[in-house]
Amino acid sequence: MAKVDEIVGRMERNPAGVRFAELAKVCEHYFGTPRSKSTSHHVYRTPWPGDPRVNIQRGHDGKAKAYQVKQVLAAIRNLKGETHG
């Protein structure tokens, strides 16, 4: 499987083309083991107050949902102290 930074680059270029397993790998790298891990949903804690979680879901085609990929990218930027956009 690809390295995390390569996956993040692909996530930024094409949020709709990311496999769920790759998104889960990125989330585990940045946020640790999911606190909840069902067959289709994984929920990760984030270290900030408010809504301290990232929720990802497997799509029917084995890919991650594009809007969740964008949410993960925003959470990574937040974690790194970059803009919240």
PDB file of N, CA and C in Angstrom:
ATOM      1  N   MET A   1       0.855  -1.186   0.000  1.00  0.00           N
ATOM      2  CA  MET A   1       0.000   0.000   0.000  1.00  0.00           C
ATOM      3  C   MET A   1       0.897   1.244   0.000  1.00  0.00           C
ATOM      4  N   ALA A   2       0.402   2.315  -0.543  1.00  0.00           N
ATOM      5  CA  ALA A   2       1.154   3.555  -0.686  1.00  0.00           C
ATOM      6  C   ALA A   2       1.451   4.191   0.673  1.00  0.00           C
ATOM      7  N   LYS A   3       2.451   5.065   0.660  1.00  0.00           N
ATOM      8  CA  LYS A   3       2.796   5.809   1.863  1.00  0.00           C
ATOM      9  C   LYS A   3       1.733   6.863   2.144  1.00  0.00           C
ATOM     10  N   VAL A   4       1.634   7.266   3.398  1.00  0.00           N
ATOM     11  CA  VAL A   4       0.608   8.199   3.834  1.00  0.00           C
ATOM     12  C   VAL A   4       0.677   9.514   3.062  1.00  0.00           C
ATOM     13  N   ASP A   5       1.887  10.073   2.881  1.00  0.00           N
ATOM     14  CA  ASP A   5       1.974  11.357   2.191  1.00  0.00           C
ATOM     15  C   ASP A   5       1.553  11.245   0.726  1.00  0.00           C
ATOM     16  N   GLU A   6       1.790  10.097   0.110  1.00  0.00           N
ATOM     17  CA  GLU A   6       1.331   9.884  -1.271  1.00  0.00           C
ATOM     18  C   GLU A   6      -0.197   9.812  -1.329  1.00  0.00           C
ATOM     19  N   ILE A   7      -0.780   9.132  -0.366  1.00  0.00           N
ATOM     20  CA  ILE A   7      -2.241   9.018  -0.313  1.00  0.00           C
ATOM     21  C   ILE A   7      -2.864  10.392  -0.097  1.00  0.00           C
ATOM     22  N   VAL A   8      -2.299  11.188   0.812  1.00  0.00           N
ATOM     23  CA  VAL A   8      -2.830  12.522   1.076  1.00  0.00           C
ATOM     24  C   VAL A   8      -2.759  13.371  -0.192  1.00  0.00           C
ATOM     25  N   GLY A   9      -1.684  13.261  -0.946  1.00  0.00           N
ATOM     26  CA  GLY A   9      -1.579  13.986  -2.206  1.00  0.00           C
ATOM     27  C   GLY A   9      -2.680  13.602  -3.178  1.00  0.00           C
ATOM     28  N   ARG A  10      -2.963  12.307  -3.272  1.00  0.00           N
ATOM     29  CA  ARG A  10      -4.053  11.848  -4.145  1.00  0.00           C
ATOM     30  C   ARG A  10      -5.408  12.305  -3.615  1.00  0.00           C
ATOM     31  N   MET A  11      -5.560  12.328  -2.286  1.00  0.00           N
ATOM     32  CA  MET A  11      -6.809  12.797  -1.680  1.00  0.00           C
ATOM     33  C   MET A  11      -7.072  14.247  -2.077  1.00  0.00           C
ATOM     34  N   GLU A  12      -6.021  15.052  -2.067  1.00  0.00           N
ATOM     35  CA  GLU A  12      -6.171  16.469  -2.417  1.00  0.00           C
ATOM     36  C   GLU A  12      -6.515  16.646  -3.889  1.00  0.00           C
ATOM     37  N   ARG A  13      -5.935  15.827  -4.747  1.00  0.00           N
ATOM     38  CA  ARG A  13      -6.177  15.949  -6.188  1.00  0.00           C
ATOM     39  C   ARG A  13      -7.513  15.362  -6.618  1.00  0.00           C
ATOM     40  N   ASN A  14      -7.944  14.272  -5.967  1.00  0.00           N
ATOM     41  CA  ASN A  14      -9.154  13.582  -6.406  1.00  0.00           C
ATOM     42  C   ASN A  14      -9.870  12.950  -5.206  1.00  0.00           C
ATOM     43  N   PRO A  15     -10.630  13.730  -4.438  1.00  0.00           N
ATOM     44  CA  PRO A  15     -11.309  13.194  -3.254  1.00  0.00           C
ATOM     45  C   PRO A  15     -12.265  12.037  -3.555  1.00  0.00           C
ATOM     46  N   ALA A  16     -12.799  11.985  -4.757  1.00  0.00           N
ATOM     47  CA  ALA A  16     -13.753  10.928  -5.101  1.00  0.00           C
ATOM     48  C   ALA A  16     -13.068   9.620  -5.478  1.00  0.00           C
ATOM     49  N   GLY A  17     -11.762   9.624  -5.653  1.00  0.00           N
ATOM     50  CA  GLY A  17     -11.076   8.432  -6.118  1.00  0.00           C
ATOM     51  C   GLY A  17     -10.264   7.718  -5.056  1.00  0.00           C
ATOM     52  N   VAL A  18     -10.539   7.954  -3.790  1.00  0.00           N
ATOM     53  CA  VAL A  18      -9.750   7.380  -2.701  1.00  0.00           C
ATOM     54  C   VAL A  18     -10.412   6.112  -2.178  1.00  0.00           C
ATOM     55  N   ARG A  19      -9.638   5.059  -2.066  1.00  0.00           N
ATOM     56  CA  ARG A  19     -10.161   3.819  -1.489  1.00  0.00           C
ATOM     57  C   ARG A  19     -10.337   3.992   0.020  1.00  0.00           C
ATOM     58  N   PHE A  20     -11.360   3.344   0.546  1.00  0.00           N
ATOM     59  CA  PHE A  20     -11.653   3.429   1.976  1.00  0.00           C
ATOM     60  C   PHE A  20     -10.453   2.967   2.807  1.00  0.00           C
ATOM     61  N   ALA A  21      -9.814   1.885   2.406  1.00  0.00           N
ATOM     62  CA  ALA A  21      -8.668   1.358   3.164  1.00  0.00           C
ATOM     63  C   ALA A  21      -7.538   2.378   3.229  1.00  0.00           C
ATOM     64  N   GLU A  22      -7.348   3.134   2.160  1.00  0.00           N
ATOM     65  CA  GLU A  22      -6.304   4.157   2.159  1.00  0.00           C
ATOM     66  C   GLU A  22      -6.676   5.315   3.081  1.00  0.00           C
ATOM     67  N   LEU A  23      -7.932   5.722   3.051  1.00  0.00           N
ATOM     68  CA  LEU A  23      -8.383   6.795   3.949  1.00  0.00           C
ATOM     69  C   LEU A  23      -8.244   6.359   5.404  1.00  0.00           C
ATOM     70  N   ALA A  24      -8.586   5.119   5.691  1.00  0.00           N
ATOM     71  CA  ALA A  24      -8.449   4.598   7.058  1.00  0.00           C
ATOM     72  C   ALA A  24      -6.983   4.604   7.484  1.00  0.00           C
ATOM     73  N   LYS A  25      -6.073   4.268   6.568  1.00  0.00           N
ATOM     74  CA  LYS A  25      -4.642   4.282   6.869  1.00  0.00           C
ATOM     75  C   LYS A  25      -4.176   5.693   7.221  1.00  0.00           C
ATOM     76  N   VAL A  26      -4.632   6.688   6.468  1.00  0.00           N
ATOM     77  CA  VAL A  26      -4.285   8.080   6.740  1.00  0.00           C
ATOM     78  C   VAL A  26      -4.843   8.504   8.105  1.00  0.00           C
ATOM     79  N   CYS A  27      -6.082   8.162   8.376  1.00  0.00           N
ATOM     80  CA  CYS A  27      -6.702   8.526   9.655  1.00  0.00           C
ATOM     81  C   CYS A  27      -5.968   7.899  10.827  1.00  0.00           C
ATOM     82  N   GLU A  28      -5.594   6.636  10.706  1.00  0.00           N
ATOM     83  CA  GLU A  28      -4.859   5.977  11.794  1.00  0.00           C
ATOM     84  C   GLU A  28      -3.505   6.631  12.003  1.00  0.00           C
ATOM     85  N   HIS A  29      -2.866   7.054  10.920  1.00  0.00           N
ATOM     86  CA  HIS A  29      -1.570   7.724  11.026  1.00  0.00           C
ATOM     87  C   HIS A  29      -1.701   9.026  11.821  1.00  0.00           C
ATOM     88  N   TYR A  30      -2.702   9.824  11.501  1.00  0.00           N
ATOM     89  CA  TYR A  30      -2.854  11.133  12.131  1.00  0.00           C
ATOM     90  C   TYR A  30      -3.641  11.106  13.436  1.00  0.00           C
ATOM     91  N   PHE A  31      -4.603  10.212  13.584  1.00  0.00           N
ATOM     92  CA  PHE A  31      -5.517  10.261  14.726  1.00  0.00           C
ATOM     93  C   PHE A  31      -5.488   9.017  15.611  1.00  0.00           C
ATOM     94  N   GLY A  32      -4.717   8.000  15.245  1.00  0.00           N
ATOM     95  CA  GLY A  32      -4.613   6.797  16.060  1.00  0.00           C
ATOM     96  C   GLY A  32      -5.683   5.776  15.723  1.00  0.00           C
ATOM     97  N   THR A  33      -5.775   4.787  16.552  1.00  0.00           N
ATOM     98  CA  THR A  33      -6.733   3.703  16.366  1.00  0.00           C
ATOM     99  C   THR A  33      -8.159   4.245  16.495  1.00  0.00           C
ATOM    100  N   PRO A  34      -9.066   3.806  15.644  1.00  0.00           N
ATOM    101  CA  PRO A  34     -10.438   4.298  15.759  1.00  0.00           C
ATOM    102  C   PRO A  34     -11.083   3.869  17.066  1.00  0.00           C
ATOM    103  N   ARG A  35     -11.865   4.755  17.652  1.00  0.00           N
ATOM    104  CA  ARG A  35     -12.558   4.398  18.898  1.00  0.00           C
ATOM    105  C   ARG A  35     -13.753   3.514  18.606  1.00  0.00           C
ATOM    106  N   SER A  36     -14.248   3.591  17.391  1.00  0.00           N
ATOM    107  CA  SER A  36     -15.348   2.744  16.944  1.00  0.00           C
ATOM    108  C   SER A  36     -14.994   2.259  15.553  1.00  0.00           C
ATOM    109  N   LYS A  37     -15.221   0.981  15.326  1.00  0.00           N
ATOM    110  CA  LYS A  37     -14.838   0.406  14.042  1.00  0.00           C
ATOM    111  C   LYS A  37     -15.862  -0.671  13.687  1.00  0.00           C
ATOM    112  N   SER A  38     -16.898  -0.245  12.993  1.00  0.00           N
ATOM    113  CA  SER A  38     -17.884  -1.219  12.541  1.00  0.00           C
ATOM    114  C   SER A  38     -17.530  -1.621  11.115  1.00  0.00           C
ATOM    115  N   THR A  39     -18.367  -2.367  10.479  1.00  0.00           N
ATOM    116  CA  THR A  39     -18.054  -2.833   9.134  1.00  0.00           C
ATOM    117  C   THR A  39     -17.978  -1.705   8.118  1.00  0.00           C
ATOM    118  N   SER A  40     -18.788  -0.659   8.273  1.00  0.00           N
ATOM    119  CA  SER A  40     -18.768   0.409   7.281  1.00  0.00           C
ATOM    120  C   SER A  40     -18.296   1.749   7.826  1.00  0.00           C
ATOM    121  N   HIS A  41     -18.299   1.945   9.133  1.00  0.00           N
ATOM    122  CA  HIS A  41     -17.900   3.224   9.738  1.00  0.00           C
ATOM    123  C   HIS A  41     -16.682   3.051  10.629  1.00  0.00           C
ATOM    124  N   HIS A  42     -15.790   4.034  10.577  1.00  0.00           N
ATOM    125  CA  HIS A  42     -14.684   4.123  11.526  1.00  0.00           C
ATOM    126  C   HIS A  42     -14.740   5.535  12.108  1.00  0.00           C
ATOM    127  N   VAL A  43     -14.632   5.641  13.428  1.00  0.00           N
ATOM    128  CA  VAL A  43     -14.689   6.934  14.099  1.00  0.00           C
ATOM    129  C   VAL A  43     -13.368   7.139  14.839  1.00  0.00           C
ATOM    130  N   TYR A  44     -12.714   8.271  14.539  1.00  0.00           N
ATOM    131  CA  TYR A  44     -11.414   8.602  15.126  1.00  0.00           C
ATOM    132  C   TYR A  44     -11.549   9.845  15.990  1.00  0.00           C
ATOM    133  N   ARG A  45     -10.814   9.863  17.108  1.00  0.00           N
ATOM    134  CA  ARG A  45     -10.782  11.042  17.976  1.00  0.00           C
ATOM    135  C   ARG A  45      -9.796  12.061  17.420  1.00  0.00           C
ATOM    136  N   THR A  46     -10.126  13.326  17.629  1.00  0.00           N
ATOM    137  CA  THR A  46      -9.202  14.404  17.309  1.00  0.00           C
ATOM    138  C   THR A  46      -8.878  15.142  18.602  1.00  0.00           C
ATOM    139  N   PRO A  47      -7.727  15.804  18.677  1.00  0.00           N
ATOM    140  CA  PRO A  47      -7.283  16.382  19.955  1.00  0.00           C
ATOM    141  C   PRO A  47      -7.815  17.775  20.270  1.00  0.00           C
ATOM    142  N   TRP A  48      -8.837  18.254  19.590  1.00  0.00           N
ATOM    143  CA  TRP A  48      -9.330  19.598  19.866  1.00  0.00           C
ATOM    144  C   TRP A  48     -10.755  19.546  20.402  1.00  0.00           C
ATOM    145  N   PRO A  49     -11.168  20.611  21.092  1.00  0.00           N
ATOM    146  CA  PRO A  49     -12.524  20.654  21.645  1.00  0.00           C
ATOM    147  C   PRO A  49     -13.561  20.895  20.553  1.00  0.00           C
ATOM    148  N   GLY A  50     -14.780  20.738  20.917  1.00  0.00           N
ATOM    149  CA  GLY A  50     -15.874  20.933  19.962  1.00  0.00           C
ATOM    150  C   GLY A  50     -16.387  19.585  19.506  1.00  0.00           C
ATOM    151  N   ASP A  51     -16.261  19.327  18.235  1.00  0.00           N
ATOM    152  CA  ASP A  51     -16.677  18.024  17.696  1.00  0.00           C
ATOM    153  C   ASP A  51     -15.408  17.208  17.463  1.00  0.00           C
ATOM    154  N   PRO A  52     -14.924  16.549  18.499  1.00  0.00           N
ATOM    155  CA  PRO A  52     -13.602  15.917  18.437  1.00  0.00           C
ATOM    156  C   PRO A  52     -13.598  14.519  17.808  1.00  0.00           C
ATOM    157  N   ARG A  53     -14.076  14.448  16.564  1.00  0.00           N
ATOM    158  CA  ARG A  53     -14.049  13.145  15.916  1.00  0.00           C
ATOM    159  C   ARG A  53     -14.025  13.300  14.400  1.00  0.00           C
ATOM    160  N   VAL A  54     -13.526  12.265  13.777  1.00  0.00           N
ATOM    161  CA  VAL A  54     -13.562  12.130  12.323  1.00  0.00           C
ATOM    162  C   VAL A  54     -14.290  10.826  12.065  1.00  0.00           C
ATOM    163  N   ASN A  55     -15.325  10.873  11.254  1.00  0.00           N
ATOM    164  CA  ASN A  55     -16.135   9.699  10.958  1.00  0.00           C
ATOM    165  C   ASN A  55     -16.005   9.406   9.461  1.00  0.00           C
ATOM    166  N   ILE A  56     -15.535   8.208   9.132  1.00  0.00           N
ATOM    167  CA  ILE A  56     -15.439   7.832   7.721  1.00  0.00           C
ATOM    168  C   ILE A  56     -16.288   6.593   7.478  1.00  0.00           C
ATOM    169  N   GLN A  57     -16.735   6.465   6.252  1.00  0.00           N
ATOM    170  CA  GLN A  57     -17.656   5.383   5.908  1.00  0.00           C
ATOM    171  C   GLN A  57     -17.283   4.782   4.559  1.00  0.00           C
ATOM    172  N   ARG A  58     -17.326   3.466   4.488  1.00  0.00           N
ATOM    173  CA  ARG A  58     -17.054   2.757   3.246  1.00  0.00           C
ATOM    174  C   ARG A  58     -18.240   2.907   2.302  1.00  0.00           C
ATOM    175  N   GLY A  59     -17.967   3.306   1.066  1.00  0.00           N
ATOM    176  CA  GLY A  59     -19.007   3.388   0.052  1.00  0.00           C
ATOM    177  C   GLY A  59     -19.280   2.017  -0.541  1.00  0.00           C
ATOM    178  N   HIS A  60     -20.301   1.920  -1.354  1.00  0.00           N
ATOM    179  CA  HIS A  60     -20.676   0.639  -1.955  1.00  0.00           C
ATOM    180  C   HIS A  60     -19.616   0.094  -2.901  1.00  0.00           C
ATOM    181  N   ASP A  61     -18.805   0.982  -3.463  1.00  0.00           N
ATOM    182  CA  ASP A  61     -17.786   0.561  -4.426  1.00  0.00           C
ATOM    183  C   ASP A  61     -16.414   0.350  -3.789  1.00  0.00           C
ATOM    184  N   GLY A  62     -16.333   0.361  -2.459  1.00  0.00           N
ATOM    185  CA  GLY A  62     -15.065   0.179  -1.766  1.00  0.00           C
ATOM    186  C   GLY A  62     -14.269   1.460  -1.619  1.00  0.00           C
ATOM    187  N   LYS A  63     -14.823   2.544  -2.114  1.00  0.00           N
ATOM    188  CA  LYS A  63     -14.151   3.834  -2.007  1.00  0.00           C
ATOM    189  C   LYS A  63     -14.714   4.616  -0.838  1.00  0.00           C
ATOM    190  N   ALA A  64     -13.941   5.595  -0.413  1.00  0.00           N
ATOM    191  CA  ALA A  64     -14.390   6.500   0.633  1.00  0.00           C
ATOM    192  C   ALA A  64     -15.336   7.521   0.015  1.00  0.00           C
ATOM    193  N   LYS A  65     -16.181   8.079   0.837  1.00  0.00           N
ATOM    194  CA  LYS A  65     -17.092   9.120   0.356  1.00  0.00           C
ATOM    195  C   LYS A  65     -16.301  10.425   0.227  1.00  0.00           C
ATOM    196  N   ALA A  66     -16.467  11.107  -0.904  1.00  0.00           N
ATOM    197  CA  ALA A  66     -15.664  12.292  -1.221  1.00  0.00           C
ATOM    198  C   ALA A  66     -15.793  13.379  -0.154  1.00  0.00           C
ATOM    199  N   TYR A  67     -17.007  13.597   0.360  1.00  0.00           N
ATOM    200  CA  TYR A  67     -17.163  14.656   1.358  1.00  0.00           C
ATOM    201  C   TYR A  67     -16.422  14.309   2.644  1.00  0.00           C
ATOM    202  N   GLN A  68     -16.304  13.023   2.964  1.00  0.00           N
ATOM    203  CA  GLN A  68     -15.564  12.616   4.150  1.00  0.00           C
ATOM    204  C   GLN A  68     -14.061  12.749   3.924  1.00  0.00           C
ATOM    205  N   VAL A  69     -13.602  12.499   2.708  1.00  0.00           N
ATOM    206  CA  VAL A  69     -12.193  12.710   2.375  1.00  0.00           C
ATOM    207  C   VAL A  69     -11.849  14.184   2.605  1.00  0.00           C
ATOM    208  N   LYS A  70     -12.721  15.083   2.158  1.00  0.00           N
ATOM    209  CA  LYS A  70     -12.497  16.519   2.347  1.00  0.00           C
ATOM    210  C   LYS A  70     -12.496  16.879   3.832  1.00  0.00           C
ATOM    211  N   GLN A  71     -13.364  16.235   4.618  1.00  0.00           N
ATOM    212  CA  GLN A  71     -13.393  16.489   6.060  1.00  0.00           C
ATOM    213  C   GLN A  71     -12.094  16.023   6.721  1.00  0.00           C
ATOM    214  N   VAL A  72     -11.573  14.887   6.280  1.00  0.00           N
ATOM    215  CA  VAL A  72     -10.311  14.383   6.828  1.00  0.00           C
ATOM    216  C   VAL A  72      -9.174  15.339   6.467  1.00  0.00           C
ATOM    217  N   LEU A  73      -9.146  15.816   5.234  1.00  0.00           N
ATOM    218  CA  LEU A  73      -8.115  16.780   4.837  1.00  0.00           C
ATOM    219  C   LEU A  73      -8.186  18.036   5.704  1.00  0.00           C
ATOM    220  N   ALA A  74      -9.396  18.525   5.975  1.00  0.00           N
ATOM    221  CA  ALA A  74      -9.564  19.699   6.838  1.00  0.00           C
ATOM    222  C   ALA A  74      -9.083  19.393   8.253  1.00  0.00           C
ATOM    223  N   ALA A  75      -9.358  18.208   8.757  1.00  0.00           N
ATOM    224  CA  ALA A  75      -8.921  17.823  10.103  1.00  0.00           C
ATOM    225  C   ALA A  75      -7.398  17.732  10.166  1.00  0.00           C
ATOM    226  N   ILE A  76      -6.773  17.234   9.108  1.00  0.00           N
ATOM    227  CA  ILE A  76      -5.311  17.160   9.067  1.00  0.00           C
ATOM    228  C   ILE A  76      -4.722  18.570   9.073  1.00  0.00           C
ATOM    229  N   ARG A  77      -5.307  19.473   8.276  1.00  0.00           N
ATOM    230  CA  ARG A  77      -4.829  20.866   8.270  1.00  0.00           C
ATOM    231  C   ARG A  77      -4.984  21.479   9.660  1.00  0.00           C
ATOM    232  N   ASN A  78      -6.102  21.213  10.321  1.00  0.00           N
ATOM    233  CA  ASN A  78      -6.343  21.721  11.673  1.00  0.00           C
ATOM    234  C   ASN A  78      -5.292  21.165  12.631  1.00  0.00           C
ATOM    235  N   LEU A  79      -5.017  19.890  12.531  1.00  0.00           N
ATOM    236  CA  LEU A  79      -4.034  19.233  13.376  1.00  0.00           C
ATOM    237  C   LEU A  79      -2.645  19.848  13.191  1.00  0.00           C
ATOM    238  N   LYS A  80      -2.327  20.185  11.964  1.00  0.00           N
ATOM    239  CA  LYS A  80      -1.016  20.779  11.644  1.00  0.00           C
ATOM    240  C   LYS A  80      -0.983  22.280  11.915  1.00  0.00           C
ATOM    241  N   GLY A  81      -2.121  22.860  12.321  1.00  0.00           N
ATOM    242  CA  GLY A  81      -2.168  24.279  12.623  1.00  0.00           C
ATOM    243  C   GLY A  81      -2.300  25.148  11.401  1.00  0.00           C
ATOM    244  N   GLU A  82      -2.714  24.554  10.286  1.00  0.00           N
ATOM    245  CA  GLU A  82      -2.911  25.305   9.054  1.00  0.00           C
ATOM    246  C   GLU A  82      -4.323  25.868   9.030  1.00  0.00           C
ATOM    247  N   THR A  83      -4.711  26.497   7.931  1.00  0.00           N
ATOM    248  CA  THR A  83      -6.031  27.104   7.828  1.00  0.00           C
ATOM    249  C   THR A  83      -7.114  26.051   8.000  1.00  0.00           C
ATOM    250  N   HIS A  84      -8.251  26.479   8.449  1.00  0.00           N
ATOM    251  CA  HIS A  84      -9.371  25.581   8.720  1.00  0.00           C
ATOM    252  C   HIS A  84     -10.257  25.359   7.507  1.00  0.00           C
ATOM    253  N   GLY A  85      -9.938  25.886   6.349  1.00  0.00           N
ATOM    254  CA  GLY A  85     -10.775  25.814   5.165  1.00  0.00           C
ATOM    255  C   GLY A  85     -10.935  24.512   4.622  1.00  0.00           C
TER     256      GLY A  85
END
